[in-house]
Amino acid sequence: MFRTAILAVALSLSVVPAVHAEPKADIVDTAVAAGSFKTLAKALTEAGLIETLKSKGPFTVFAPTDEAFAKLPKGTVDALLKDKMKLTAILTYHVVPGAVRAADAAKLTTAKTVNGQSIKISAKDGVVMINDAKVIQADIETANGVIHVIDKVILPR
C-alpha cells in the first residue's frame, strides 16, 4: 500500500522534469534547475550547506517548494535567513543520510535525519506524508542522492 501510494504520487505530479538517463547533476543543481526551489537554495546558501549537498553523499532530501515556504507565517523566512543556527537545524531536518527511494521508504515508519531527530513516514488514502507534509513528487534521481518534493516545511521539535 505504502509503495503504491508513493509511486502513484511520483507518477501523477510533476515539479521537476523526468530524467531518463543517468543523472549528471547533484541535488543542489537539480533543485536549482527545476526553478521551484529558489527559497530552499537561498536558505541552503545562507546556512552554508551548499557544498555538503554537492558532495558525494548520498543524501535524501525532502525538498519544500517555494510555495511550501510561502505557507510559513509572514516574516518567518527572513528571520530564519538571519539565524544560521536555527536555519541549519531546520534544513538538516529535511535531509536523511543515504539514498532512500520510494520503494525503500515503503518499509519505514520513521527515518533519522542529519540533524539527529527522526521524521515520521506514513501513507493514507494514497497520500504519502513526511510528518505533516505531503510528498508531491518522489524519487527525483540525482548524481548524489534522491529528492522527494514536499508541500510544507517540516519543523524539528
Protein backbone atom coordinates (compact mmCIF):
# COMPACT_ATOMS: atom_id res chain seq x y z
CA MET A 1 0.00 0.00 0.00
CA PHE A 2 2.72 2.48 1.01
CA ARG A 3 4.86 1.68 -2.05
CA THR A 4 1.84 2.02 -4.34
CA ALA A 5 0.95 5.37 -2.79
CA ILE A 6 4.46 6.74 -3.26
CA LEU A 7 4.64 5.53 -6.84
CA ALA A 8 1.19 6.97 -7.59
CA VAL A 9 2.29 10.35 -6.26
CA ALA A 10 5.54 10.17 -8.21
CA LEU A 11 3.75 9.40 -11.45
CA SER A 12 0.84 11.80 -11.06
CA LEU A 13 2.65 15.03 -10.23
CA SER A 14 5.42 16.88 -11.98
CA VAL A 15 7.53 19.52 -10.27
CA VAL A 16 10.90 18.53 -11.70
CA PRO A 17 11.29 17.25 -15.26
CA ALA A 18 11.75 13.49 -15.51
CA VAL A 19 15.30 12.33 -16.08
CA HIS A 20 15.63 9.09 -18.01
CA ALA A 21 19.40 8.91 -18.40
CA GLU A 22 21.96 8.51 -15.64
CA PRO A 23 21.64 11.67 -13.54
CA LYS A 24 24.56 14.05 -14.04
CA ALA A 25 23.56 16.88 -11.71
CA ASP A 26 23.85 16.79 -7.93
CA ILE A 27 21.00 17.56 -5.52
CA VAL A 28 21.64 21.31 -5.48
CA ASP A 29 21.97 21.71 -9.25
CA THR A 30 18.89 19.53 -9.87
CA ALA A 31 16.80 21.63 -7.47
CA VAL A 32 18.05 24.92 -8.91
CA ALA A 33 17.35 23.76 -12.49
CA ALA A 34 13.76 22.88 -11.52
CA GLY A 35 13.05 26.54 -10.79
CA SER A 36 10.62 25.84 -7.92
CA PHE A 37 13.18 25.72 -5.10
CA LYS A 38 14.59 29.27 -5.08
CA THR A 39 13.86 29.80 -1.38
CA LEU A 40 15.39 26.45 -0.48
CA ALA A 41 18.53 27.26 -2.49
CA LYS A 42 18.85 30.65 -0.79
CA ALA A 43 18.37 29.05 2.63
CA LEU A 44 20.98 26.36 1.88
CA THR A 45 23.41 29.10 0.82
CA GLU A 46 22.80 31.16 3.97
CA ALA A 47 23.23 28.06 6.16
CA GLY A 48 26.47 27.09 4.42
CA LEU A 49 25.09 23.73 3.29
CA ILE A 50 25.55 24.02 -0.48
CA GLU A 51 28.95 22.30 -0.56
CA THR A 52 27.69 19.49 1.68
CA LEU A 53 24.76 18.74 -0.64
CA LYS A 54 27.06 18.95 -3.66
CA SER A 55 29.43 16.38 -2.11
CA LYS A 56 29.46 12.66 -2.86
CA GLY A 57 26.66 11.75 -0.44
CA PRO A 58 24.40 10.00 -0.97
CA PHE A 59 21.61 12.04 0.61
CA THR A 60 17.84 12.02 0.57
CA VAL A 61 16.32 15.49 0.64
CA PHE A 62 12.68 16.20 1.41
CA ALA A 63 12.59 19.46 -0.53
CA PRO A 64 9.93 22.07 0.21
CA THR A 65 8.91 24.11 -2.82
CA ASP A 66 8.80 27.90 -2.90
CA GLU A 67 5.04 27.57 -2.32
CA ALA A 68 5.75 25.50 0.80
CA PHE A 69 8.00 28.23 2.21
CA ALA A 70 5.31 30.82 1.35
CA LYS A 71 2.90 28.98 3.69
CA LEU A 72 5.06 29.92 6.70
CA PRO A 73 3.86 32.93 8.71
CA LYS A 74 4.87 36.29 7.23
CA GLY A 75 8.45 37.22 8.13
CA THR A 76 9.47 33.68 9.13
CA VAL A 77 11.72 33.03 6.14
CA ASP A 78 13.52 36.38 6.53
CA ALA A 79 14.01 35.74 10.26
CA LEU A 80 15.36 32.24 9.59
CA LEU A 81 17.78 33.53 6.95
CA LYS A 82 19.30 35.75 9.67
CA ASP A 83 19.52 32.93 12.27
CA LYS A 84 22.07 30.49 10.82
CA MET A 85 21.85 28.05 13.74
CA LYS A 86 18.06 27.71 13.62
CA LEU A 87 18.06 27.66 9.80
CA THR A 88 20.66 24.88 9.76
CA ALA A 89 18.65 22.84 12.26
CA ILE A 90 15.53 23.11 10.10
CA LEU A 91 17.30 22.40 6.80
CA THR A 92 19.20 19.38 8.14
CA TYR A 93 15.84 18.05 9.42
CA HIS A 94 14.89 17.76 5.73
CA VAL A 95 17.90 15.53 4.93
CA VAL A 96 18.34 11.81 5.58
CA PRO A 97 21.74 10.14 5.08
CA GLY A 98 21.76 7.67 2.19
CA ALA A 99 19.60 7.44 -0.89
CA VAL A 100 16.13 6.44 0.34
CA ARG A 101 13.97 5.79 -2.68
CA ALA A 102 10.20 5.32 -2.58
CA ALA A 103 10.49 1.52 -2.55
CA ASP A 104 12.82 1.71 0.48
CA ALA A 105 10.64 4.27 2.26
CA ALA A 106 7.68 1.92 1.88
CA LYS A 107 9.31 -0.26 4.52
CA LEU A 108 9.82 2.59 7.03
CA THR A 109 7.66 4.44 9.54
CA THR A 110 10.46 6.77 10.65
CA ALA A 111 13.85 7.91 9.41
CA LYS A 112 16.65 9.64 11.32
CA THR A 113 17.62 12.98 9.80
CA VAL A 114 21.03 14.63 9.59
CA ASN A 115 20.05 16.94 12.47
CA GLY A 116 19.64 13.88 14.72
CA GLN A 117 15.86 13.89 15.06
CA SER A 118 13.54 11.46 13.29
CA ILE A 119 10.80 12.20 10.81
CA LYS A 120 7.58 10.21 10.63
CA ILE A 121 6.69 8.50 7.35
CA SER A 122 3.10 7.42 6.70
CA ALA A 123 0.61 6.76 3.93
CA LYS A 124 -3.14 7.02 3.95
CA ASP A 125 -5.63 7.02 1.08
CA GLY A 126 -2.83 7.16 -1.49
CA VAL A 127 -1.17 10.18 0.15
CA VAL A 128 2.37 9.86 1.50
CA MET A 129 3.23 12.12 4.40
CA ILE A 130 6.54 13.16 5.95
CA ASN A 131 5.38 14.41 9.36
CA ASP A 132 2.56 16.74 8.26
CA ALA A 133 3.93 17.48 4.78
CA LYS A 134 2.59 15.74 1.69
CA VAL A 135 5.01 14.19 -0.80
CA ILE A 136 4.01 15.71 -4.12
CA GLN A 137 6.75 14.08 -6.19
CA ALA A 138 9.02 11.19 -5.23
CA ASP A 139 12.26 9.67 -6.49
CA ILE A 140 13.94 12.51 -8.36
CA GLU A 141 17.30 10.88 -9.00
CA THR A 142 20.44 12.98 -8.76
CA ALA A 143 24.13 12.16 -9.04
CA ASN A 144 24.49 12.15 -5.24
CA GLY A 145 21.12 11.02 -3.94
CA VAL A 146 17.41 11.47 -4.31
CA ILE A 147 14.91 14.30 -3.84
CA HIS A 148 11.32 13.90 -2.67
CA VAL A 149 9.32 17.11 -3.11
CA ILE A 150 7.06 18.12 -0.20
CA ASP A 151 4.33 20.73 0.08
CA LYS A 152 5.28 22.07 3.51
CA VAL A 153 8.37 22.99 5.50
CA ILE A 154 8.74 20.41 8.27
CA LEU A 155 9.98 21.62 11.63
CA PRO A 156 12.04 19.75 14.20
CA ARG A 157 10.90 19.61 17.82
